[in-house]
Amino acid sequence: MNELFILNNASEGMRAKLTRIAKGMRQIDVASLAHVDCIDITRLENNRFVLPTHRKRILTVLGLINDSNDQETNQGDQHADEY
């Protein structure tokens, strides 16, 4: 059974963390599948800077974006300068 969560005003990091937990994955599981370090998962979940290529891999593994969704990725790249 699939459940739907609606998160208003949730940060990208919060959405990533809740999605990871809902899928029953550990940070190391996501890191392994995305070919990044565990620290990248921690940084993303805490809304810290993560290299755009690593960010895209992590969000793709979590199903929050797909590989062809460049608009979503570009929005995150713009916010990276804020950190």
Protein backbone atom coordinates (compact mmCIF):
# COMPACT_ATOMS: atom_id res chain seq x y z
CA MET A 1 0.00 0.00 0.00
CA ASN A 2 1.35 3.41 -0.99
CA GLU A 3 0.93 6.36 1.29
CA LEU A 4 0.99 9.97 0.20
CA PHE A 5 2.64 12.65 2.29
CA ILE A 6 2.04 16.30 1.55
CA LEU A 7 4.70 18.61 2.92
CA ASN A 8 4.09 22.32 2.63
CA ASN A 9 7.14 24.56 3.02
CA ALA A 10 9.43 21.59 3.67
CA SER A 11 13.05 22.16 2.70
CA GLU A 12 14.70 19.96 0.14
CA GLY A 13 16.78 18.41 2.91
CA MET A 14 13.71 17.57 4.95
CA ARG A 15 11.98 16.05 1.92
CA ALA A 16 15.09 13.98 1.18
CA LYS A 17 15.37 12.73 4.75
CA LEU A 18 11.68 11.86 5.09
CA THR A 19 11.71 10.11 1.73
CA ARG A 20 14.79 8.10 2.71
CA ILE A 21 13.20 7.06 6.00
CA ALA A 22 9.87 6.22 4.34
CA LYS A 23 11.72 3.93 1.92
CA GLY A 24 13.45 2.22 4.84
CA MET A 25 16.91 3.25 3.66
CA ARG A 26 19.93 4.22 5.71
CA GLN A 27 22.20 7.07 4.67
CA ILE A 28 24.86 4.55 3.70
CA ASP A 29 22.37 2.75 1.45
CA VAL A 30 21.58 5.95 -0.44
CA ALA A 31 25.25 6.91 -0.61
CA SER A 32 26.18 3.52 -2.05
CA LEU A 33 23.47 3.65 -4.72
CA ALA A 34 24.27 7.27 -5.61
CA HIS A 35 28.06 6.68 -5.62
CA VAL A 36 28.68 9.51 -3.13
CA ASP A 37 30.04 9.74 0.41
CA CYS A 38 27.76 9.49 3.43
CA ILE A 39 28.71 13.04 4.38
CA ASP A 40 26.97 14.23 1.20
CA ILE A 41 23.71 12.69 2.42
CA THR A 42 24.12 14.35 5.82
CA ARG A 43 24.90 17.70 4.23
CA LEU A 44 21.90 17.51 1.91
CA GLU A 45 19.55 16.54 4.74
CA ASN A 46 20.87 19.47 6.80
CA ASN A 47 20.44 21.91 3.89
CA ARG A 48 24.18 22.42 3.50
CA PHE A 49 26.09 22.72 0.23
CA VAL A 50 26.47 19.53 -1.80
CA LEU A 51 28.14 19.42 -5.19
CA PRO A 52 25.38 19.70 -7.83
CA THR A 53 26.36 16.40 -9.46
CA HIS A 54 26.22 14.58 -6.11
CA ARG A 55 22.94 16.31 -5.22
CA LYS A 56 21.39 15.14 -8.48
CA ARG A 57 22.52 11.55 -7.93
CA ILE A 58 21.12 11.48 -4.39
CA LEU A 59 17.76 12.96 -5.36
CA THR A 60 17.53 10.58 -8.31
CA VAL A 61 18.13 7.56 -6.05
CA LEU A 62 15.40 8.83 -3.71
CA GLY A 63 13.02 9.34 -6.62
CA LEU A 64 12.65 13.07 -5.98
CA ILE A 65 13.87 13.92 -9.48
CA ASN A 66 14.56 11.94 -12.61
CA ASP A 67 17.67 12.16 -14.79
CA SER A 68 15.95 14.24 -17.45
CA ASN A 69 14.48 16.75 -15.00
CA ASP A 70 17.07 19.50 -15.50
CA GLN A 71 14.76 22.30 -14.37
CA GLU A 72 14.57 20.87 -10.82
CA THR A 73 18.35 20.44 -10.74
CA ASN A 74 19.00 23.98 -11.94
CA GLN A 75 16.77 25.39 -9.22
CA GLY A 76 18.87 23.64 -6.60
CA ASP A 77 22.09 24.91 -8.18
CA GLN A 78 20.84 28.46 -7.80
CA HIS A 79 20.22 27.90 -4.09
CA ALA A 80 23.66 26.38 -3.54
CA ASP A 81 25.20 29.88 -3.52
CA GLU A 82 23.10 30.77 -0.48
CA TYR A 83 24.98 28.37 1.81
